[in-house]
Amino acid sequence: MPDETALDAGESYVGATLSRWAREQPTLLALQCESQTVCWAQLHRRVERLASRLHAELGVGCAVALDVSDPMSLIQAFLAVGRSGNRALVLDTAWPDAQRADIDRRTEPDRVLDSEVLSQWLAESEPVDIDSHPSAPLPTPDQPFYVGFTSGSTGVPKGYRRRHASWLASFELSRVLFALQPGDRVMAPGSLATSLHLYGVIQALQAGIAVVLVPRFRPRTVLQAMADHSVSALYGTPTQIKLLLQAAQRDSRAPLPDVRHLIISGAKWPDDTRQALRQPFPNAALTEFYGTSEMSFIALHNDQTRAPQGSVGRPVPGVEVRIGPSAQAPVATGERGRIWVRSALVFDGYECGGGDEIARDGDWLTVGDHGYLDDAGYLYLVGREKRMIVSSGLNLYPEEVEAWLLQHSGVSQAALLGLPDALRGQKVAAVIQSEASSVSAESLRQHCRLRFPASQVPKVWYFLEQWPLTQSGKTDFVALERWLRVVEAGTGPDKAIPT
């Protein structure tokens, strides 16, 4: 089994430890997806053979698009592309054709590997002894190896590029923060086209820890797989964890005592539901971290280091945070402004896309998130520049009100959006998902008035039964805005409840 001794010399790229685990635990499980299993020796052999083939065809420094839906194949291809000295563009197979065509046009990949081609290559590589085949040169830490794409929840996905060194630094931090142990089994039950899930899988494999995969996120299927394969650590978004909790409660499922870690990112976990997690996951420690695809880990808190209500925790070791219009002009403690980060974990740059909210100031980076630090060094988020609503000349951060609405016992989802308004410039609209018949616009309006001035209370309320989500389990704000435009134009079912 893997231990905590120093890594072998030369283990300086993502996937470099596979040779170690192939020597030390060759027949033990590395990957499992339903009935498919791959041991460490098989995983190493397949990655090396695929990498040699890619290097022979492309050389180094090329973009290889992975258009693969099967998670088992995708992981092997991803590791092979990085091993070959090239960069893997992990495409979302759920993108509409027009969006996929736009991504292809903007990234211009040198090679596309789809499921059919990859299946053939993997079948051909299986019986070959890697020692008899020329290996690709070892990658260096500074080589780009991965291009991921943001969820597109507020617009067109951006392609962010990472070097081996940034993920290796994140792996070391994960080892300390998450305390995964030999014998753990990790699951990240979402689309591997999102950085959270892909990172969780690759970080486990780098550490010699087995990974259990599922083809798609279905709560009952995920819970059953967790029970069948003794999953002990789960990476997920708050939405996914809530859906698992609801499914477990609805089906009166037996608890899963093997689960020791719930690692959550993507949004704040409601404090009032932490205790409810004890029923399905009685032994699980909850870790929440705030980060972005471009900056990796920024702040964290867990059951031992509980942050004050509304905070995302203190910056993690090695990460510096400043608040202000620029990194060189920080504001006073408690004042709001752009969040600037400096660390070894940040991304290399964009393969495609970007925006005015993304900026660098020397070694410092901001992606347009706004927040503040308190006297104890805790970080609080107030919102994103891109989602900020300007109404009657006042700046409103929707995320603050959304988080408060989610504290209402009858609200399962909430989103605030700005609608054109001749008087105010924008009027604040709230879209709510609720399963409680007692929840009304007036009750939610009163709930908001407990914390916010009248200028921040939504002026119009909508109730929506089917909540739109991106592949990564986040609210799809583009779809919500499209729905609102239809309702406002009077061409759809009018569910608005005006003040």
Protein backbone atom coordinates (compact mmCIF):
# COMPACT_ATOMS: atom_id res chain seq x y z
CA MET A 1 0.00 0.00 0.00
CA PRO A 2 1.15 3.61 -0.50
CA ASP A 3 2.99 5.21 2.39
CA GLU A 4 3.99 8.74 3.36
CA THR A 5 7.67 8.46 2.46
CA ALA A 6 9.21 10.94 0.04
CA LEU A 7 8.35 10.48 -3.60
CA ASP A 8 10.87 8.95 -5.96
CA ALA A 9 13.29 11.26 -7.73
CA GLY A 10 11.86 12.43 -11.02
CA GLU A 11 8.22 12.34 -9.87
CA SER A 12 7.80 15.89 -11.08
CA TYR A 13 4.74 15.70 -13.32
CA VAL A 14 1.10 14.72 -12.87
CA GLY A 15 0.90 10.93 -13.12
CA ALA A 16 4.60 10.36 -12.43
CA THR A 17 3.84 8.19 -9.39
CA LEU A 18 2.02 5.55 -11.47
CA SER A 19 5.29 3.68 -12.04
CA ARG A 20 5.81 3.57 -8.29
CA TRP A 21 2.38 2.15 -7.55
CA ALA A 22 2.72 -0.32 -10.43
CA ARG A 23 5.84 -1.69 -8.71
CA GLU A 24 4.59 -1.59 -5.11
CA GLN A 25 0.93 -2.65 -5.54
CA PRO A 26 0.61 -3.98 -9.10
CA THR A 27 -2.53 -6.11 -8.68
CA LEU A 28 -4.48 -3.87 -6.31
CA LEU A 29 -7.46 -1.89 -7.56
CA ALA A 30 -6.70 1.52 -9.07
CA LEU A 31 -9.96 2.35 -10.92
CA GLN A 32 -13.46 0.92 -10.83
CA CYS A 33 -16.51 1.97 -12.82
CA GLU A 34 -19.48 -0.37 -12.46
CA SER A 35 -18.16 -3.78 -13.59
CA GLN A 36 -14.95 -2.39 -15.14
CA THR A 37 -11.78 -2.59 -13.05
CA VAL A 38 -8.18 -1.56 -13.68
CA CYS A 39 -5.26 -2.47 -11.41
CA TRP A 40 -2.17 -0.29 -10.96
CA ALA A 41 0.00 -2.33 -13.31
CA GLN A 42 -2.64 -2.11 -16.05
CA LEU A 43 -3.14 1.61 -15.52
CA HIS A 44 0.59 2.32 -15.79
CA ARG A 45 0.99 0.14 -18.88
CA ARG A 46 -1.96 1.71 -20.70
CA VAL A 47 -0.91 5.26 -19.90
CA GLU A 48 2.66 4.62 -21.09
CA ARG A 49 1.53 3.00 -24.34
CA LEU A 50 -0.96 5.76 -25.12
CA ALA A 51 1.62 8.40 -24.27
CA SER A 52 4.21 6.79 -26.58
CA ARG A 53 1.70 6.70 -29.41
CA LEU A 54 0.73 10.34 -28.91
CA HIS A 55 4.33 11.45 -28.71
CA ALA A 56 5.24 9.55 -31.86
CA GLU A 57 2.36 11.23 -33.71
CA LEU A 58 2.48 14.75 -32.29
CA GLY A 59 5.73 15.35 -30.48
CA VAL A 60 5.27 17.74 -27.54
CA GLY A 61 3.43 20.98 -26.87
CA CYS A 62 0.26 20.09 -28.80
CA ALA A 63 -3.41 20.38 -27.84
CA VAL A 64 -5.27 17.05 -27.68
CA ALA A 65 -9.05 17.37 -27.31
CA LEU A 66 -10.68 14.57 -25.32
CA ASP A 67 -14.27 14.04 -26.47
CA VAL A 68 -14.92 11.05 -24.22
CA SER A 69 -17.97 10.27 -22.09
CA ASP A 70 -16.76 7.08 -20.35
CA PRO A 71 -14.95 8.22 -17.17
CA MET A 72 -12.64 5.18 -17.05
CA SER A 73 -11.33 5.85 -20.57
CA LEU A 74 -11.17 9.59 -20.01
CA ILE A 75 -8.92 9.26 -16.95
CA GLN A 76 -6.47 7.01 -18.79
CA ALA A 77 -6.39 9.31 -21.81
CA PHE A 78 -5.96 12.40 -19.63
CA LEU A 79 -2.94 10.91 -17.84
CA ALA A 80 -1.47 9.76 -21.16
CA VAL A 81 -1.73 13.17 -22.81
CA GLY A 82 0.10 14.79 -19.90
CA ARG A 83 2.71 12.01 -19.88
CA SER A 84 3.34 12.57 -23.61
CA GLY A 85 4.30 16.21 -23.03
CA ASN A 86 1.08 17.59 -24.49
CA ARG A 87 -2.00 19.24 -22.99
CA ALA A 88 -5.43 17.62 -22.68
CA LEU A 89 -8.49 19.72 -23.54
CA VAL A 90 -11.22 18.01 -21.52
CA LEU A 91 -14.44 18.65 -23.45
CA ASP A 92 -17.92 18.43 -21.99
CA THR A 93 -19.82 15.87 -24.05
CA ALA A 94 -23.10 17.49 -22.96
CA TRP A 95 -22.35 20.76 -24.75
CA PRO A 96 -24.83 21.64 -27.51
CA ASP A 97 -23.41 21.24 -31.04
CA ALA A 98 -23.16 25.01 -31.55
CA GLN A 99 -21.23 25.50 -28.32
CA ARG A 100 -18.88 22.61 -29.13
CA ALA A 101 -18.24 24.07 -32.60
CA ASP A 102 -17.42 27.42 -31.01
CA ILE A 103 -14.94 25.81 -28.60
CA ASP A 104 -13.29 23.91 -31.49
CA ARG A 105 -12.96 27.13 -33.46
CA ARG A 106 -11.42 29.03 -30.58
CA THR A 107 -9.00 26.32 -29.41
CA GLU A 108 -8.06 24.65 -32.75
CA PRO A 109 -6.87 21.33 -31.21
CA ASP A 110 -4.09 19.44 -32.99
CA ARG A 111 -5.76 16.08 -32.36
CA VAL A 112 -9.20 14.93 -31.23
CA LEU A 113 -9.60 11.65 -29.39
CA ASP A 114 -13.20 10.49 -29.23
CA SER A 115 -14.59 7.41 -27.50
CA GLU A 116 -14.32 5.20 -30.59
CA VAL A 117 -10.68 6.00 -31.36
CA LEU A 118 -9.66 5.80 -27.71
CA SER A 119 -11.38 2.44 -27.23
CA GLN A 120 -9.44 1.07 -30.19
CA TRP A 121 -6.14 2.45 -28.94
CA LEU A 122 -6.68 1.04 -25.45
CA ALA A 123 -7.51 -2.39 -26.87
CA GLU A 124 -4.36 -2.37 -28.98
CA SER A 125 -2.16 -1.33 -26.08
CA GLU A 126 -3.23 -4.01 -23.62
CA PRO A 127 -1.02 -6.96 -24.64
CA VAL A 128 2.12 -4.91 -25.32
CA ASP A 129 5.04 -4.88 -22.88
CA ILE A 130 5.89 -1.23 -22.25
CA ASP A 131 9.55 -2.09 -21.67
CA SER A 132 9.88 -3.10 -25.32
CA HIS A 133 8.36 0.13 -26.66
CA PRO A 134 10.15 3.50 -26.76
CA SER A 135 8.87 5.80 -24.03
CA ALA A 136 8.04 9.45 -24.48
CA PRO A 137 10.52 11.83 -22.78
CA LEU A 138 9.49 12.74 -19.23
CA PRO A 139 7.52 15.98 -19.00
CA THR A 140 8.86 18.92 -16.99
CA PRO A 141 6.94 20.72 -14.24
CA ASP A 142 6.60 23.86 -16.36
CA GLN A 143 4.89 22.14 -19.29
CA PRO A 144 1.14 22.81 -19.72
CA PHE A 145 -0.78 19.55 -19.42
CA TYR A 146 -4.45 20.43 -18.90
CA VAL A 147 -7.04 22.77 -20.35
CA GLY A 148 -10.33 22.74 -18.50
CA PHE A 149 -13.42 24.78 -19.17
CA THR A 150 -15.45 26.82 -16.72
CA SER A 151 -19.03 25.69 -16.20
CA GLY A 152 -20.47 28.49 -18.32
CA SER A 153 -23.07 29.20 -15.61
CA THR A 154 -22.88 32.93 -16.38
CA GLY A 155 -21.81 32.84 -20.02
CA VAL A 156 -19.56 31.12 -22.59
CA PRO A 157 -17.09 28.64 -21.01
CA LYS A 158 -13.50 29.85 -20.70
CA GLY A 159 -10.63 27.45 -21.37
CA TYR A 160 -8.10 27.75 -18.53
CA ARG A 161 -4.64 26.21 -18.91
CA ARG A 162 -2.53 24.61 -16.17
CA ARG A 163 1.06 23.45 -15.84
CA HIS A 164 2.09 20.29 -14.01
CA ALA A 165 3.71 22.36 -11.25
CA SER A 166 0.46 24.02 -10.16
CA TRP A 167 -1.39 20.74 -9.64
CA LEU A 168 1.63 19.14 -7.95
CA ALA A 169 1.62 22.00 -5.44
CA SER A 170 -2.13 21.51 -4.96
CA PHE A 171 -1.62 17.76 -4.44
CA GLU A 172 0.82 18.42 -1.60
CA LEU A 173 -1.67 20.80 0.00
CA SER A 174 -4.49 18.25 -0.38
CA ARG A 175 -2.36 15.62 1.34
CA VAL A 176 -2.05 17.87 4.38
CA LEU A 177 -5.56 19.34 4.42
CA PHE A 178 -7.68 16.30 3.62
CA ALA A 179 -5.60 13.63 5.37
CA LEU A 180 -6.48 10.84 2.95
CA GLN A 181 -4.91 7.57 4.06
CA PRO A 182 -3.74 4.28 2.53
CA GLY A 183 -6.80 2.13 2.01
CA ASP A 184 -9.16 5.04 1.36
CA ARG A 185 -11.41 4.87 -1.69
CA VAL A 186 -12.26 8.15 -3.36
CA MET A 187 -15.31 9.08 -5.42
CA ALA A 188 -16.00 12.29 -7.36
CA PRO A 189 -19.46 11.53 -8.78
CA GLY A 190 -19.86 14.25 -11.36
CA SER A 191 -18.77 15.13 -14.84
CA LEU A 192 -14.99 14.87 -15.15
CA ALA A 193 -15.18 17.85 -17.47
CA THR A 194 -15.31 19.96 -14.28
CA SER A 195 -12.09 20.68 -12.41
CA LEU A 196 -13.38 19.70 -8.95
CA HIS A 197 -14.19 16.12 -9.92
CA LEU A 198 -11.24 15.61 -12.24
CA TYR A 199 -8.86 17.00 -9.63
CA GLY A 200 -10.26 14.73 -6.90
CA VAL A 201 -9.74 11.63 -9.06
CA ILE A 202 -6.23 12.50 -10.25
CA GLN A 203 -5.07 13.60 -6.81
CA ALA A 204 -6.13 10.23 -5.38
CA LEU A 205 -4.34 8.29 -8.13
CA GLN A 206 -1.20 10.38 -7.65
CA ALA A 207 -1.27 9.30 -3.98
CA GLY A 208 -1.81 5.63 -4.83
CA ILE A 209 -5.41 5.62 -3.62
CA ALA A 210 -8.13 3.69 -5.47
CA VAL A 211 -10.92 5.61 -7.21
CA VAL A 212 -14.53 4.54 -7.74
CA LEU A 213 -16.19 6.15 -10.77
CA VAL A 214 -19.81 6.41 -11.88
CA PRO A 215 -20.89 7.09 -15.49
CA ARG A 216 -23.18 9.94 -14.46
CA PHE A 217 -24.57 11.57 -11.33
CA ARG A 218 -27.73 9.79 -10.22
CA PRO A 219 -28.21 10.02 -6.44
CA ARG A 220 -29.52 6.48 -5.86
CA THR A 221 -26.83 4.98 -8.09
CA VAL A 222 -24.11 6.99 -6.36
CA LEU A 223 -25.26 5.97 -2.87
CA GLN A 224 -25.38 2.32 -3.90
CA ALA A 225 -21.90 2.48 -5.42
CA MET A 226 -20.59 4.12 -2.25
CA ALA A 227 -22.02 1.25 -0.19
CA ASP A 228 -20.89 -1.51 -2.56
CA HIS A 229 -17.29 -0.28 -2.83
CA SER A 230 -16.73 1.13 0.69
CA VAL A 231 -16.11 4.68 -0.50
CA SER A 232 -14.46 6.69 2.28
CA ALA A 233 -13.95 10.12 0.66
CA LEU A 234 -16.34 12.05 -1.58
CA TYR A 235 -15.68 15.22 -3.60
CA GLY A 236 -18.86 17.07 -4.54
CA THR A 237 -20.73 20.32 -4.92
CA PRO A 238 -23.28 21.39 -2.28
CA THR A 239 -26.08 20.64 -4.77
CA GLN A 240 -24.84 17.07 -5.23
CA ILE A 241 -24.51 16.47 -1.48
CA LYS A 242 -28.03 17.85 -0.93
CA LEU A 243 -29.41 15.50 -3.60
CA LEU A 244 -27.64 12.54 -1.97
CA LEU A 245 -29.04 13.56 1.41
CA GLN A 246 -32.57 13.84 0.00
CA ALA A 247 -32.31 10.45 -1.72
CA ALA A 248 -31.02 8.80 1.45
CA GLN A 249 -33.87 10.29 3.50
CA ARG A 250 -36.52 9.47 0.89
CA ASP A 251 -35.43 5.83 0.60
CA SER A 252 -34.66 5.42 4.32
CA ARG A 253 -31.26 4.05 3.35
CA ALA A 254 -28.95 2.49 5.89
CA PRO A 255 -26.10 4.80 6.97
CA LEU A 256 -22.72 4.65 5.24
CA PRO A 257 -20.24 4.44 8.13
CA ASP A 258 -17.20 4.01 5.85
CA VAL A 259 -17.48 7.60 4.58
CA ARG A 260 -14.93 9.67 6.54
CA HIS A 261 -14.52 12.72 4.30
CA LEU A 262 -17.02 14.95 2.51
CA ILE A 263 -15.02 17.52 0.53
CA ILE A 264 -17.27 20.28 -0.79
CA SER A 265 -16.67 23.23 -3.07
CA GLY A 266 -18.73 25.40 -5.39
CA ALA A 267 -20.97 27.22 -2.90
CA LYS A 268 -21.51 27.64 0.84
CA TRP A 269 -23.00 24.69 2.70
CA PRO A 270 -26.00 25.83 4.81
CA ASP A 271 -25.04 25.64 8.48
CA ASP A 272 -28.48 24.49 9.58
CA THR A 273 -28.25 21.28 7.54
CA ARG A 274 -24.85 20.10 8.79
CA GLN A 275 -26.45 17.92 11.45
CA ALA A 276 -28.74 16.28 8.87
CA LEU A 277 -25.65 14.82 7.17
CA ARG A 278 -24.99 12.69 10.25
CA GLN A 279 -27.82 10.30 9.40
CA PRO A 280 -26.51 9.03 6.04
CA PHE A 281 -22.82 9.77 6.84
CA PRO A 282 -22.42 9.33 10.62
CA ASN A 283 -18.60 9.29 10.62
CA ALA A 284 -17.93 11.88 7.92
CA ALA A 285 -15.95 15.06 8.53
CA LEU A 286 -17.14 17.95 6.38
CA THR A 287 -14.50 20.11 4.68
CA GLU A 288 -15.53 23.16 2.68
CA PHE A 289 -13.11 25.05 0.51
CA TYR A 290 -13.40 28.16 -1.59
CA GLY A 291 -11.44 28.16 -4.81
CA THR A 292 -11.75 28.76 -8.51
CA SER A 293 -10.67 26.86 -11.60
CA GLU A 294 -8.02 29.51 -12.20
CA MET A 295 -6.69 29.81 -8.64
CA SER A 296 -7.26 26.37 -7.06
CA PHE A 297 -7.55 26.42 -3.24
CA ILE A 298 -7.96 29.82 -1.59
CA ALA A 299 -9.67 29.35 1.79
CA LEU A 300 -10.92 26.40 3.81
CA HIS A 301 -12.69 25.40 6.97
CA ASN A 302 -13.86 22.10 8.43
CA ASP A 303 -15.48 20.61 11.52
CA GLN A 304 -12.41 21.41 13.62
CA THR A 305 -11.76 24.92 12.27
CA ARG A 306 -15.32 26.17 11.99
CA ALA A 307 -15.48 29.60 10.41
CA PRO A 308 -17.91 32.31 11.54
CA GLN A 309 -21.29 32.23 9.81
CA GLY A 310 -21.00 33.56 6.27
CA SER A 311 -17.23 33.07 6.05
CA VAL A 312 -15.47 30.64 3.70
CA GLY A 313 -12.63 30.20 6.19
CA ARG A 314 -9.06 31.40 6.44
CA PRO A 315 -6.62 31.30 3.51
CA VAL A 316 -4.93 27.90 3.23
CA PRO A 317 -1.18 27.56 3.91
CA GLY A 318 0.94 29.13 1.17
CA VAL A 319 -1.90 31.27 -0.19
CA GLU A 320 -1.89 35.04 0.31
CA VAL A 321 -5.08 37.11 -0.01
CA ARG A 322 -5.51 40.86 -0.38
CA ILE A 323 -8.66 42.93 -0.84
CA GLY A 324 -8.75 46.10 -2.89
CA PRO A 325 -9.02 47.75 -6.30
CA SER A 326 -5.50 46.44 -6.94
CA ALA A 327 -3.13 44.17 -5.04
CA GLN A 328 -0.84 47.14 -4.43
CA ALA A 329 -3.64 49.24 -2.91
CA PRO A 330 -5.35 47.04 -0.31
CA VAL A 331 -8.31 48.42 1.61
CA ALA A 332 -8.71 48.36 5.38
CA THR A 333 -9.87 45.26 7.23
CA GLY A 334 -13.61 44.83 6.87
CA GLU A 335 -13.88 46.87 3.68
CA ARG A 336 -15.12 45.23 0.50
CA GLY A 337 -13.29 44.93 -2.76
CA ARG A 338 -11.73 42.61 -5.31
CA ILE A 339 -10.13 39.43 -3.96
CA TRP A 340 -6.49 39.15 -5.06
CA VAL A 341 -4.57 35.90 -4.59
CA ARG A 342 -0.88 35.02 -4.77
CA SER A 343 0.23 31.38 -4.61
CA ALA A 344 2.01 28.59 -6.48
CA LEU A 345 -1.37 27.05 -7.29
CA VAL A 346 -2.68 29.55 -9.85
CA PHE A 347 -3.26 28.77 -13.51
CA ASP A 348 -1.01 29.50 -16.48
CA GLY A 349 -3.48 31.52 -18.58
CA TYR A 350 -6.43 31.06 -20.92
CA GLU A 351 -6.45 28.80 -23.94
CA CYS A 352 -9.58 30.68 -24.99
CA GLY A 353 -11.92 33.19 -23.47
CA GLY A 354 -11.37 35.38 -20.44
CA GLY A 355 -12.95 38.69 -19.49
CA ASP A 356 -12.41 42.14 -18.07
CA GLU A 357 -12.94 40.80 -14.56
CA ILE A 358 -9.77 38.66 -14.84
CA ALA A 359 -6.64 40.66 -14.05
CA ARG A 360 -3.05 40.27 -12.87
CA ASP A 361 -1.10 42.69 -10.73
CA GLY A 362 2.46 41.39 -10.68
CA ASP A 363 2.30 37.96 -9.01
CA TRP A 364 -1.27 38.59 -7.87
CA LEU A 365 -4.40 37.34 -9.65
CA THR A 366 -8.10 38.18 -9.42
CA VAL A 367 -11.00 36.52 -11.22
CA GLY A 368 -13.48 39.22 -10.25
CA ASP A 369 -14.76 37.78 -6.97
CA HIS A 370 -15.40 40.41 -4.30
CA GLY A 371 -15.20 40.00 -0.54
CA TYR A 372 -13.59 41.20 2.68
CA LEU A 373 -11.35 39.99 5.53
CA ASP A 374 -12.21 40.36 9.21
CA ASP A 375 -9.82 41.09 12.09
CA ALA A 376 -9.18 37.36 12.63
CA GLY A 377 -8.22 36.79 9.00
CA TYR A 378 -11.43 35.06 7.93
CA LEU A 379 -12.49 35.64 4.33
CA TYR A 380 -16.07 36.50 3.36
CA LEU A 381 -17.45 36.47 -0.18
CA VAL A 382 -20.00 39.04 -1.27
CA GLY A 383 -20.27 38.26 -4.99
CA ARG A 384 -18.82 38.38 -8.46
CA GLU A 385 -18.33 41.46 -10.59
CA LYS A 386 -19.99 39.72 -13.50
CA ARG A 387 -23.20 39.12 -11.53
CA MET A 388 -23.36 42.47 -9.75
CA ILE A 389 -26.71 44.26 -10.15
CA VAL A 390 -26.79 48.07 -10.27
CA SER A 391 -30.22 49.27 -9.18
CA SER A 392 -31.04 52.94 -8.46
CA GLY A 393 -27.31 53.66 -8.50
CA LEU A 394 -26.53 51.07 -5.78
CA ASN A 395 -24.34 47.98 -6.26
CA LEU A 396 -25.97 44.75 -5.14
CA TYR A 397 -24.20 41.40 -4.90
CA PRO A 398 -26.82 38.70 -5.57
CA GLU A 399 -24.83 35.98 -3.77
CA GLU A 400 -25.35 37.63 -0.37
CA VAL A 401 -29.14 37.62 -0.67
CA GLU A 402 -29.18 34.15 -2.25
CA ALA A 403 -27.22 32.73 0.69
CA TRP A 404 -29.69 34.30 3.13
CA LEU A 405 -32.70 32.99 1.22
CA LEU A 406 -31.22 29.49 1.35
CA GLN A 407 -31.24 29.76 5.15
CA HIS A 408 -35.06 29.79 4.94
CA SER A 409 -36.29 26.28 5.72
CA GLY A 410 -38.68 26.26 2.76
CA VAL A 411 -36.19 27.28 0.07
CA SER A 412 -34.17 24.66 -1.79
CA GLN A 413 -32.74 26.92 -4.56
CA ALA A 414 -32.53 30.69 -4.99
CA ALA A 415 -31.14 33.06 -7.61
CA LEU A 416 -31.25 36.84 -8.00
CA LEU A 417 -31.10 38.47 -11.42
CA GLY A 418 -31.33 42.02 -12.74
CA LEU A 419 -34.15 42.88 -15.13
CA PRO A 420 -34.24 46.06 -17.24
CA ASP A 421 -36.19 48.82 -15.53
CA ALA A 422 -36.81 52.33 -16.87
CA LEU A 423 -36.80 53.90 -13.39
CA ARG A 424 -34.05 52.00 -11.56
CA GLY A 425 -31.86 50.88 -14.45
CA GLN A 426 -32.29 47.32 -13.16
CA LYS A 427 -34.87 45.85 -10.85
CA VAL A 428 -34.00 42.90 -8.64
CA ALA A 429 -35.86 39.67 -9.41
CA ALA A 430 -35.72 36.50 -7.33
CA VAL A 431 -36.27 33.01 -8.71
CA ILE A 432 -37.09 30.41 -6.06
CA GLN A 433 -37.48 26.65 -5.94
CA SER A 434 -39.52 25.44 -2.97
CA GLU A 435 -41.30 22.24 -2.04
CA ALA A 436 -43.18 23.91 0.82
CA SER A 437 -46.67 25.19 0.01
CA SER A 438 -46.44 27.72 2.85
CA VAL A 439 -43.59 29.63 1.17
CA SER A 440 -44.83 32.81 -0.46
CA ALA A 441 -43.34 35.97 -1.87
CA GLU A 442 -44.44 37.88 1.23
CA SER A 443 -42.83 35.41 3.65
CA LEU A 444 -39.57 35.52 1.70
CA ARG A 445 -39.74 39.31 1.49
CA GLN A 446 -40.07 39.49 5.28
CA HIS A 447 -37.19 37.04 5.65
CA CYS A 448 -34.97 39.32 3.54
CA ARG A 449 -35.96 42.40 5.52
CA LEU A 450 -34.55 40.79 8.66
CA ARG A 451 -31.07 41.29 7.21
CA PHE A 452 -31.09 43.64 4.22
CA PRO A 453 -32.26 47.18 3.50
CA ALA A 454 -35.23 47.66 1.19
CA SER A 455 -32.94 48.45 -1.75
CA GLN A 456 -31.59 44.87 -1.67
CA VAL A 457 -34.93 43.09 -1.29
CA PRO A 458 -36.15 41.64 -4.61
CA LYS A 459 -38.95 43.62 -6.25
CA VAL A 460 -40.47 40.69 -8.11
CA TRP A 461 -40.58 36.97 -7.27
CA TYR A 462 -40.76 33.91 -9.49
CA PHE A 463 -41.28 30.28 -8.51
CA LEU A 464 -39.78 27.55 -10.67
CA GLU A 465 -40.27 23.80 -10.20
CA GLN A 466 -37.47 22.43 -12.42
CA TRP A 467 -34.21 24.12 -11.49
CA PRO A 468 -31.65 24.40 -14.32
CA LEU A 469 -28.17 23.11 -13.46
CA THR A 470 -24.91 22.97 -15.35
CA GLN A 471 -23.01 19.69 -15.74
CA SER A 472 -20.98 20.61 -12.65
CA GLY A 473 -24.13 20.88 -10.51
CA LYS A 474 -24.20 24.68 -10.31
CA THR A 475 -27.13 26.96 -11.09
CA ASP A 476 -27.34 27.66 -14.81
CA PHE A 477 -27.87 31.42 -14.75
CA VAL A 478 -27.91 31.64 -18.54
CA ALA A 479 -30.91 29.28 -18.63
CA LEU A 480 -32.63 31.21 -15.83
CA GLU A 481 -32.18 34.53 -17.64
CA ARG A 482 -33.55 32.97 -20.82
CA TRP A 483 -36.61 31.71 -18.91
CA LEU A 484 -37.14 35.12 -17.31
CA ARG A 485 -37.02 36.85 -20.69
CA VAL A 486 -39.73 34.51 -21.97
CA VAL A 487 -41.92 35.20 -18.94
CA GLU A 488 -41.33 38.96 -19.08
CA ALA A 489 -42.21 39.00 -22.77
CA GLY A 490 -45.49 37.28 -21.99
CA THR A 491 -44.71 34.29 -24.21
CA GLY A 492 -44.39 31.75 -21.39
CA PRO A 493 -46.21 30.75 -18.16
CA ASP A 494 -46.27 33.87 -15.99
CA LYS A 495 -45.25 32.80 -12.49
CA ALA A 496 -44.21 36.26 -11.31
CA ILE A 497 -45.53 37.52 -8.02
CA PRO A 498 -44.99 41.32 -7.92
CA THR A 499 -44.47 43.38 -4.80
